[in-house]
């Protein structure tokens, strides 16, 4: 993995939940984010369907204070991560990010995905 992904947060394939199960679920989907590459950062990503879009709220503990971290959703697993972001998220600042992506929750969760902070 390239140096730019050394501070990766992965949710053991965040968004890698069954599309069928998620599409039928009422309320938000909360996915744990686990530390990768000794980052010391962990947290949650909460996905809430908003019509044909999905609100993604990321909350991270252990994020460096005052340091903005670019945040993206990537296709694939940790072992086979597509380096091109599938969806850009609002920059993680002081451990918080909130973005509405132009895709339904069922589409966003249909394939293995990872959330990566650089």
Protein backbone atom coordinates (compact mmCIF):
# COMPACT_ATOMS: atom_id res chain seq x y z
CA UNK A 1 0.00 0.00 0.00
CA UNK A 2 1.34 3.45 -0.80
CA UNK A 3 2.56 5.84 1.88
CA UNK A 4 -0.50 8.04 1.41
CA UNK A 5 -2.67 5.30 2.88
CA UNK A 6 -0.56 4.66 5.98
CA UNK A 7 -3.14 6.34 8.21
CA UNK A 8 -5.99 4.26 6.85
CA UNK A 9 -9.14 3.69 8.80
CA UNK A 10 -10.87 0.53 7.72
CA UNK A 11 -14.13 -0.80 8.92
CA UNK A 12 -13.19 -4.39 8.24
CA UNK A 13 -14.58 -3.41 4.89
CA UNK A 14 -16.71 -0.48 5.96
CA UNK A 15 -19.90 -0.51 3.98
CA UNK A 16 -19.16 -4.14 3.19
CA UNK A 17 -22.43 -5.33 4.57
CA UNK A 18 -25.07 -7.27 2.71
CA UNK A 19 -26.87 -4.95 0.32
CA UNK A 20 -30.11 -6.85 0.79
CA UNK A 21 -29.94 -6.65 4.58
CA UNK A 22 -28.99 -2.98 4.61
CA UNK A 23 -31.53 -1.91 2.01
CA UNK A 24 -34.37 -3.31 4.15
CA UNK A 25 -33.04 -2.05 7.47
CA UNK A 26 -34.91 0.82 9.09
CA UNK A 27 -32.89 3.63 10.59
CA UNK A 28 -29.19 4.31 10.23
CA UNK A 29 -26.45 1.75 9.67
CA UNK A 30 -23.56 2.12 12.13
CA UNK A 31 -20.26 0.58 11.06
CA UNK A 32 -17.19 0.35 13.32
CA UNK A 33 -13.92 1.81 12.03
CA UNK A 34 -10.81 -0.01 13.20
CA UNK A 35 -7.22 1.29 13.30
CA UNK A 36 -4.91 0.33 10.47
CA UNK A 37 -1.14 0.71 10.13
CA UNK A 38 -0.72 1.67 13.81
CA UNK A 39 -2.74 4.86 13.32
CA UNK A 40 -4.34 4.67 16.80
CA UNK A 41 -7.54 6.00 15.24
CA UNK A 42 -10.88 4.21 15.55
CA UNK A 43 -14.54 5.18 15.49
CA UNK A 44 -17.77 4.78 13.58
CA UNK A 45 -19.35 5.64 10.27
CA UNK A 46 -23.11 6.16 10.42
CA UNK A 47 -25.01 5.86 7.13
CA UNK A 48 -28.53 7.26 6.94
CA UNK A 49 -30.67 7.01 3.82
CA UNK A 50 -32.04 10.35 2.67
CA UNK A 51 -34.22 9.58 -0.33
CA UNK A 52 -31.84 8.65 -3.16
CA UNK A 53 -28.80 9.93 -1.23
CA UNK A 54 -26.89 8.77 1.85
CA UNK A 55 -25.71 10.90 4.76
CA UNK A 56 -22.34 9.65 6.05
CA UNK A 57 -21.28 10.81 9.52
CA UNK A 58 -17.78 9.77 10.61
CA UNK A 59 -16.65 10.07 14.21
CA UNK A 60 -13.06 9.11 15.06
CA UNK A 61 -11.24 8.84 18.39
CA UNK A 62 -7.48 9.31 18.38
CA UNK A 63 -7.47 11.71 15.43
CA UNK A 64 -4.84 14.42 15.79
CA UNK A 65 -6.31 17.73 17.06
CA UNK A 66 -6.29 20.56 14.57
CA UNK A 67 -5.09 18.36 11.71
CA UNK A 68 -7.35 18.12 8.65
CA UNK A 69 -7.36 14.63 7.13
CA UNK A 70 -8.75 14.03 3.63
CA UNK A 71 -11.41 11.32 3.83
CA UNK A 72 -12.68 9.04 1.04
CA UNK A 73 -14.67 5.88 0.45
CA UNK A 74 -12.74 3.37 -1.66
CA UNK A 75 -13.92 0.20 -3.35
CA UNK A 76 -12.35 -3.05 -2.24
CA UNK A 77 -10.95 -4.64 0.85
CA UNK A 78 -7.86 -3.63 2.83
CA UNK A 79 -5.88 -6.26 0.93
CA UNK A 80 -7.12 -5.12 -2.50
CA UNK A 81 -8.01 -1.45 -2.18
CA UNK A 82 -8.82 0.53 -5.32
CA UNK A 83 -6.62 3.65 -4.95
CA UNK A 84 -9.19 5.80 -6.78
CA UNK A 85 -11.84 7.11 -4.35
CA UNK A 86 -15.40 5.99 -5.10
CA UNK A 87 -16.85 8.88 -3.05
CA UNK A 88 -15.22 11.92 -1.53
CA UNK A 89 -16.19 12.79 2.03
CA UNK A 90 -15.84 16.06 3.90
CA UNK A 91 -12.36 16.41 5.40
CA UNK A 92 -12.03 14.83 8.85
CA UNK A 93 -11.27 17.63 11.31
CA UNK A 94 -10.88 17.01 15.04
CA UNK A 95 -12.29 13.53 14.45
CA UNK A 96 -15.55 14.63 12.76
CA UNK A 97 -16.88 14.54 9.21
CA UNK A 98 -20.39 14.76 7.75
CA UNK A 99 -21.19 14.38 4.05
CA UNK A 100 -24.21 13.56 1.92
CA UNK A 101 -23.19 11.41 -1.04
CA UNK A 102 -25.25 11.19 -4.22
CA UNK A 103 -25.93 7.47 -3.98
CA UNK A 104 -28.52 5.38 -2.13
CA UNK A 105 -27.49 3.45 0.96
CA UNK A 106 -28.28 0.15 -0.79
CA UNK A 107 -25.92 1.05 -3.65
CA UNK A 108 -23.22 2.32 -1.27
CA UNK A 109 -23.29 -0.96 0.64
CA UNK A 110 -23.53 -3.32 -2.33
CA UNK A 111 -19.76 -3.99 -2.60
CA UNK A 112 -16.86 -4.15 -0.13
CA UNK A 113 -15.71 -0.61 0.64
CA UNK A 114 -13.27 1.13 2.97
CA UNK A 115 -13.10 4.59 4.44
CA UNK A 116 -9.57 5.94 4.28
CA UNK A 117 -8.09 9.01 5.98
CA UNK A 118 -4.73 10.28 4.77
